[in-house]
Amino acid sequence: MVAYKKGLNKVIIIKTTKLLGIGLPIAILPSYFLFFRNKDIFTNFVDKTSTLQILLILIGLASVISILGILIYRRTNKIIYGSYLSKLDDIISDMESIKQING
């Protein structure tokens, strides 16, 4: 049971981390573009910077959003579910020891 729970937790954490690491920037960057596309700030910025600079800024912004999303996800999981998961681990280990004694 312990191995199954750990494997399941690992899969869930990996999949959610990938979702936040890749999906969050993909969702947020187009919304920034849609918000700023008709603003004077955006047109001035595009006129004054080269394509390479814009690409580097987008990659940097996507990386920051990705890292923040992953860090926030992991931190909130530890804060919200940390005590429950440790209690669950204790209960499972107690059940395993009882099974070995009775079996």
C-alpha atoms as a PDB file:
ATOM      1  CA  MET A   1       0.000   0.000   0.000  1.00  0.00           C
ATOM      2  CA  VAL A   2       2.797   2.372   0.861  1.00  0.00           C
ATOM      3  CA  ALA A   3       4.532   1.792  -2.462  1.00  0.00           C
ATOM      4  CA  TYR A   4       1.254   2.291  -4.354  1.00  0.00           C
ATOM      5  CA  LYS A   5       0.553   5.556  -2.513  1.00  0.00           C
ATOM      6  CA  LYS A   6       4.065   6.855  -3.109  1.00  0.00           C
ATOM      7  CA  GLY A   7       3.914   5.912  -6.792  1.00  0.00           C
ATOM      8  CA  LEU A   8       0.524   7.559  -7.187  1.00  0.00           C
ATOM      9  CA  ASN A   9       1.685  10.705  -5.421  1.00  0.00           C
ATOM     10  CA  LYS A  10       4.772  10.838  -7.615  1.00  0.00           C
ATOM     11  CA  VAL A  11       2.704  10.541 -10.811  1.00  0.00           C
ATOM     12  CA  ILE A  12       0.230  13.196  -9.678  1.00  0.00           C
ATOM     13  CA  ILE A  13       2.980  15.596  -8.642  1.00  0.00           C
ATOM     14  CA  ILE A  14       4.915  15.093 -11.893  1.00  0.00           C
ATOM     15  CA  LYS A  15       1.849  15.564 -14.104  1.00  0.00           C
ATOM     16  CA  THR A  16       0.685  18.662 -12.223  1.00  0.00           C
ATOM     17  CA  THR A  17       4.199  20.110 -12.275  1.00  0.00           C
ATOM     18  CA  LYS A  18       4.369  19.620 -16.044  1.00  0.00           C
ATOM     19  CA  LEU A  19       0.956  21.206 -16.425  1.00  0.00           C
ATOM     20  CA  LEU A  20       1.974  24.252 -14.417  1.00  0.00           C
ATOM     21  CA  GLY A  21       5.424  24.434 -15.977  1.00  0.00           C
ATOM     22  CA  ILE A  22       4.197  24.313 -19.561  1.00  0.00           C
ATOM     23  CA  GLY A  23       0.487  25.064 -19.509  1.00  0.00           C
ATOM     24  CA  LEU A  24       0.535  28.140 -17.310  1.00  0.00           C
ATOM     25  CA  PRO A  25       2.874  30.189 -19.528  1.00  0.00           C
ATOM     26  CA  ILE A  26       0.987  29.038 -22.623  1.00  0.00           C
ATOM     27  CA  ALA A  27      -2.247  30.285 -21.053  1.00  0.00           C
ATOM     28  CA  ILE A  28      -0.918  33.550 -19.612  1.00  0.00           C
ATOM     29  CA  LEU A  29       1.323  34.925 -22.388  1.00  0.00           C
ATOM     30  CA  PRO A  30      -1.447  35.150 -25.029  1.00  0.00           C
ATOM     31  CA  SER A  31      -3.689  36.883 -22.508  1.00  0.00           C
ATOM     32  CA  TYR A  32      -0.980  39.503 -21.924  1.00  0.00           C
ATOM     33  CA  PHE A  33      -0.793  40.022 -25.679  1.00  0.00           C
ATOM     34  CA  LEU A  34      -4.579  40.337 -25.991  1.00  0.00           C
ATOM     35  CA  PHE A  35      -4.684  42.841 -23.142  1.00  0.00           C
ATOM     36  CA  PHE A  36      -1.853  45.073 -24.374  1.00  0.00           C
ATOM     37  CA  ARG A  37      -2.202  44.754 -28.166  1.00  0.00           C
ATOM     38  CA  ASN A  38      -4.095  48.028 -28.752  1.00  0.00           C
ATOM     39  CA  LYS A  39      -2.240  50.069 -26.150  1.00  0.00           C
ATOM     40  CA  ASP A  40       0.336  52.717 -26.994  1.00  0.00           C
ATOM     41  CA  ILE A  41       2.867  51.136 -24.649  1.00  0.00           C
ATOM     42  CA  PHE A  42       2.772  47.894 -26.628  1.00  0.00           C
ATOM     43  CA  THR A  43       3.152  49.540 -30.029  1.00  0.00           C
ATOM     44  CA  ASN A  44       6.044  51.688 -28.789  1.00  0.00           C
ATOM     45  CA  PHE A  45       7.700  48.637 -27.261  1.00  0.00           C
ATOM     46  CA  VAL A  46       7.393  46.610 -30.473  1.00  0.00           C
ATOM     47  CA  ASP A  47       8.720  49.490 -32.580  1.00  0.00           C
ATOM     48  CA  LYS A  48      11.772  50.053 -30.364  1.00  0.00           C
ATOM     49  CA  THR A  49      12.866  46.442 -29.832  1.00  0.00           C
ATOM     50  CA  SER A  50      14.119  43.814 -32.227  1.00  0.00           C
ATOM     51  CA  THR A  51      12.541  40.428 -32.785  1.00  0.00           C
ATOM     52  CA  LEU A  52      15.354  38.703 -30.908  1.00  0.00           C
ATOM     53  CA  GLN A  53      14.867  40.940 -27.870  1.00  0.00           C
ATOM     54  CA  ILE A  54      11.114  40.298 -27.877  1.00  0.00           C
ATOM     55  CA  LEU A  55      11.742  36.567 -28.148  1.00  0.00           C
ATOM     56  CA  LEU A  56      14.220  36.646 -25.261  1.00  0.00           C
ATOM     57  CA  ILE A  57      11.786  38.651 -23.130  1.00  0.00           C
ATOM     58  CA  LEU A  58       8.996  36.167 -23.868  1.00  0.00           C
ATOM     59  CA  ILE A  59      11.211  33.210 -22.991  1.00  0.00           C
ATOM     60  CA  GLY A  60      12.277  34.921 -19.763  1.00  0.00           C
ATOM     61  CA  LEU A  61       8.716  35.808 -18.842  1.00  0.00           C
ATOM     62  CA  ALA A  62       7.537  32.267 -19.586  1.00  0.00           C
ATOM     63  CA  SER A  63      10.348  30.851 -17.450  1.00  0.00           C
ATOM     64  CA  VAL A  64       9.517  33.122 -14.519  1.00  0.00           C
ATOM     65  CA  ILE A  65       5.808  32.272 -14.731  1.00  0.00           C
ATOM     66  CA  SER A  66       6.624  28.572 -14.944  1.00  0.00           C
ATOM     67  CA  ILE A  67       9.002  28.611 -11.974  1.00  0.00           C
ATOM     68  CA  LEU A  68       6.610  30.640  -9.838  1.00  0.00           C
ATOM     69  CA  GLY A  69       3.710  28.333 -10.675  1.00  0.00           C
ATOM     70  CA  ILE A  70       5.675  25.230  -9.754  1.00  0.00           C
ATOM     71  CA  LEU A  71       7.033  26.731  -6.527  1.00  0.00           C
ATOM     72  CA  ILE A  72       3.621  27.961  -5.429  1.00  0.00           C
ATOM     73  CA  TYR A  73       2.055  24.566  -6.202  1.00  0.00           C
ATOM     74  CA  ARG A  74       4.635  22.661  -4.184  1.00  0.00           C
ATOM     75  CA  ARG A  75       4.527  25.115  -1.283  1.00  0.00           C
ATOM     76  CA  THR A  76       0.731  25.080  -1.012  1.00  0.00           C
ATOM     77  CA  ASN A  77       0.665  21.286  -1.153  1.00  0.00           C
ATOM     78  CA  LYS A  78       3.071  21.112   1.764  1.00  0.00           C
ATOM     79  CA  ILE A  79       1.173  23.740   3.724  1.00  0.00           C
ATOM     80  CA  ILE A  80      -2.332  22.415   3.105  1.00  0.00           C
ATOM     81  CA  TYR A  81      -1.837  18.659   2.827  1.00  0.00           C
ATOM     82  CA  GLY A  82       1.469  18.027   4.592  1.00  0.00           C
ATOM     83  CA  SER A  83       0.036  17.099   7.975  1.00  0.00           C
ATOM     84  CA  TYR A  84      -2.671  14.917   6.433  1.00  0.00           C
ATOM     85  CA  LEU A  85      -0.191  13.036   4.272  1.00  0.00           C
ATOM     86  CA  SER A  86       2.145  12.392   7.189  1.00  0.00           C
ATOM     87  CA  LYS A  87      -0.773  11.072   9.260  1.00  0.00           C
ATOM     88  CA  LEU A  88      -1.827   8.885   6.344  1.00  0.00           C
ATOM     89  CA  ASP A  89       1.704   7.509   6.052  1.00  0.00           C
ATOM     90  CA  ASP A  90       1.659   6.687   9.775  1.00  0.00           C
ATOM     91  CA  ILE A  91      -1.702   4.935   9.461  1.00  0.00           C
ATOM     92  CA  ILE A  92      -0.545   2.905   6.461  1.00  0.00           C
ATOM     93  CA  SER A  93       2.667   1.855   8.196  1.00  0.00           C
ATOM     94  CA  ASP A  94       0.653   0.844  11.297  1.00  0.00           C
ATOM     95  CA  MET A  95      -1.677  -1.215   9.104  1.00  0.00           C
ATOM     96  CA  GLU A  96       1.289  -2.913   7.446  1.00  0.00           C
ATOM     97  CA  SER A  97       2.823  -3.784  10.825  1.00  0.00           C
ATOM     98  CA  ILE A  98      -0.517  -5.181  12.054  1.00  0.00           C
ATOM     99  CA  LYS A  99      -0.795  -7.230   8.859  1.00  0.00           C
ATOM    100  CA  GLN A 100       2.677  -8.693   9.425  1.00  0.00           C
ATOM    101  CA  ILE A 101       1.883  -9.543  13.060  1.00  0.00           C
ATOM    102  CA  ASN A 102      -1.428 -11.238  12.168  1.00  0.00           C
ATOM    103  CA  GLY A 103      -0.258 -12.825   8.921  1.00  0.00           C
END
